[in-house]
Protein backbone atom coordinates (compact mmCIF):
# COMPACT_ATOMS: atom_id res chain seq x y z
CA LYS A 1 -35.97 3.71 3.51
CA GLU A 2 -32.56 3.73 1.85
CA ALA A 3 -31.77 7.14 3.34
CA LYS A 4 -32.65 5.83 6.79
CA TRP A 5 -30.16 2.95 6.49
CA LYS A 6 -27.44 5.20 5.10
CA LEU A 7 -27.90 7.54 8.05
CA LEU A 8 -27.67 4.64 10.48
CA ARG A 9 -24.57 3.31 8.67
CA ASP A 10 -22.91 6.71 8.93
CA LYS A 11 -23.72 7.00 12.63
CA VAL A 12 -22.31 3.56 13.37
CA ARG A 13 -19.16 4.28 11.37
CA GLU A 14 -18.72 7.63 13.12
CA ARG A 15 -18.99 5.98 16.54
CA LEU A 16 -16.59 3.16 15.61
CA VAL A 17 -14.04 5.69 14.38
CA GLU A 18 -14.46 7.76 17.52
CA LEU A 19 -13.88 4.81 19.84
CA TYR A 20 -11.49 2.48 18.01
CA TRP A 21 -9.71 4.16 15.08
CA ASP A 22 -6.14 5.30 15.65
CA ASP A 23 -5.44 8.13 13.21
CA SER A 24 -1.71 8.16 13.79
CA ALA A 25 -1.35 4.45 12.94
CA SER A 26 -4.30 4.17 10.52
CA LEU A 27 -5.30 0.97 12.33
CA TRP A 28 -8.21 -0.21 14.47
CA ARG A 29 -7.65 -0.63 18.19
CA ALA A 30 -8.62 -3.82 20.02
CA SER A 31 -10.64 -1.76 22.48
CA SER A 32 -11.27 1.84 23.39
CA GLU A 33 -8.41 1.52 25.89
CA ARG A 34 -5.42 2.79 23.92
CA GLU A 35 -2.94 0.47 25.61
CA ASP A 36 -4.72 -2.67 24.37
CA GLY A 37 -2.98 -2.59 20.99
CA PHE A 38 -4.47 -3.12 17.57
CA SER A 39 -7.03 -5.68 16.40
CA ARG A 40 -6.03 -7.72 13.36
CA HIS A 41 -9.62 -8.94 13.02
CA ALA A 42 -11.10 -5.43 13.09
CA CYS A 43 -8.50 -4.24 10.59
CA ILE A 44 -9.21 -7.15 8.27
CA LEU A 45 -12.98 -6.78 8.41
CA SER A 46 -12.86 -3.01 7.93
CA VAL A 47 -11.08 -3.51 4.61
CA VAL A 48 -13.32 -6.39 3.50
CA SER A 49 -16.49 -4.45 4.35
CA GLY A 50 -15.35 -1.20 2.74
CA LEU A 51 -15.52 0.67 6.04
CA VAL A 52 -12.14 2.32 5.44
CA GLU A 53 -10.94 4.52 2.60
CA PRO A 54 -8.57 2.96 0.01
CA SER A 55 -5.56 4.82 1.46
CA ASP A 56 -6.33 3.36 4.90
CA ALA A 57 -6.85 -0.08 3.36
CA ASP A 58 -3.33 0.18 1.91
CA ARG A 59 -1.91 1.09 5.32
CA ILE A 60 -3.78 -1.78 6.98
CA ALA A 61 -2.51 -4.23 4.36
CA GLU A 62 1.06 -3.07 4.99
CA ALA A 63 0.57 -3.57 8.73
CA LEU A 64 -0.80 -7.07 8.13
CA LEU A 65 2.20 -7.92 6.00
CA GLN A 66 4.67 -6.59 8.55
CA ASP A 67 2.86 -8.18 11.43
CA GLY A 68 2.49 -11.87 10.93
CA VAL A 69 1.16 -12.60 7.45
CA ASP A 70 4.61 -13.19 5.99
CA ASP A 71 5.86 -15.62 8.61
CA LEU A 72 2.51 -16.69 10.11
CA GLN A 73 3.68 -15.56 13.54
CA ALA A 74 1.86 -13.16 15.83
CA SER A 75 3.49 -10.04 17.13
CA SER A 76 2.72 -8.26 20.37
CA ASP A 77 0.49 -5.71 18.59
CA MET A 78 -1.86 -7.89 16.57
CA ILE A 79 -2.70 -11.49 17.37
CA ALA A 80 -2.53 -13.74 14.31
CA VAL A 81 -5.71 -15.29 12.99
CA ALA A 82 -6.18 -18.88 14.17
CA THR A 83 -8.66 -20.36 11.71
CA PRO A 84 -8.72 -21.02 7.97
CA TYR A 85 -12.06 -19.19 7.95
CA MET A 86 -10.51 -15.95 9.23
CA LYS A 87 -7.35 -16.50 7.14
CA MET A 88 -9.61 -16.33 4.08
CA PHE A 89 -10.83 -12.89 5.18
CA GLU A 90 -7.24 -11.80 5.78
CA CYS A 91 -6.32 -12.80 2.24
CA LEU A 92 -9.45 -11.08 0.90
CA ALA A 93 -8.42 -7.88 2.70
CA LEU A 94 -5.03 -8.07 0.99
CA ILE A 95 -6.74 -8.54 -2.37
CA ARG A 96 -9.06 -5.57 -1.75
CA ALA A 97 -5.95 -3.52 -0.95
CA ASN A 98 -4.46 -4.45 -4.36
CA LYS A 99 -2.05 -7.06 -2.98
CA LEU A 100 -3.36 -9.94 -5.11
CA HIS A 101 -0.03 -11.69 -5.70
CA VAL A 102 0.90 -11.51 -2.03
CA ALA A 103 -2.52 -12.87 -1.04
CA MET A 104 -2.20 -15.74 -3.52
CA ASP A 105 1.22 -16.64 -2.11
CA LYS A 106 -0.20 -16.58 1.42
CA MET A 107 -3.12 -18.81 0.40
CA ARG A 108 -0.81 -21.33 -1.24
CA GLN A 109 1.51 -21.31 1.76
CA TYR A 110 -1.22 -21.67 4.38
CA TRP A 111 -3.54 -24.21 2.76
CA SER A 112 -0.75 -26.20 1.10
CA ALA A 113 0.83 -26.72 4.51
CA MET A 114 -2.39 -28.37 5.68
CA GLN A 115 -2.38 -30.64 2.64
CA ASP A 116 1.29 -31.45 3.17
CA ASN A 117 0.39 -32.41 6.73
CA GLY A 118 -2.12 -34.96 5.44
CA ALA A 119 -5.33 -33.01 5.85
CA SER A 120 -8.28 -34.25 3.84
CA THR A 121 -10.28 -31.12 4.70
CA PHE A 122 -9.46 -27.73 6.23
CA TYR A 123 -8.48 -27.83 9.85
CA GLU A 124 -10.75 -26.17 12.36
CA ALA A 125 -7.84 -24.15 13.72
CA TYR A 126 -4.39 -23.86 12.21
CA ASP A 127 -1.42 -21.66 12.96
CA GLY A 128 0.49 -22.32 9.74
CA ASN A 129 2.90 -24.83 11.26
CA LYS A 130 2.89 -28.56 10.68
CA THR A 131 0.52 -29.25 13.56
CA GLN A 132 -3.25 -29.25 13.61
CA ALA A 133 -4.92 -27.26 16.33
CA SER A 134 -8.43 -27.61 17.69
CA PHE A 135 -10.61 -25.33 19.77
CA TYR A 136 -12.32 -28.28 21.41
CA GLY A 137 -9.36 -30.55 22.21
CA ARG A 138 -10.21 -33.21 19.67
CA PRO A 139 -8.59 -34.07 16.32
């Protein structure tokens, strides 16, 4: 049975790479349409899951750091994560790519800002600024 699942895993990975991996950038595309840009979420989850090789994980981590993690702003290529839940995966991806100190700084910055804003629990959605966001239009 184990061989069956490994074969299936390899087939799925092969197809994902074929459709969404950009070799020249070492990043995952948002869709199979090349002009759609890169997907921060796909990049994050590929590192967390071990889908990519360590050298690609390093490249993805560098892209995350250059593209919104430092200043919590989104760029035109990769939309920033909008929830503390996904921010945790982003920090975990940085840790898995041997960027522990950077990830710790990002965690302190992001979650401390919520505390500084008076939060008694994690916000449902948060962009890293001093305002709480909500997907459902309620506090």
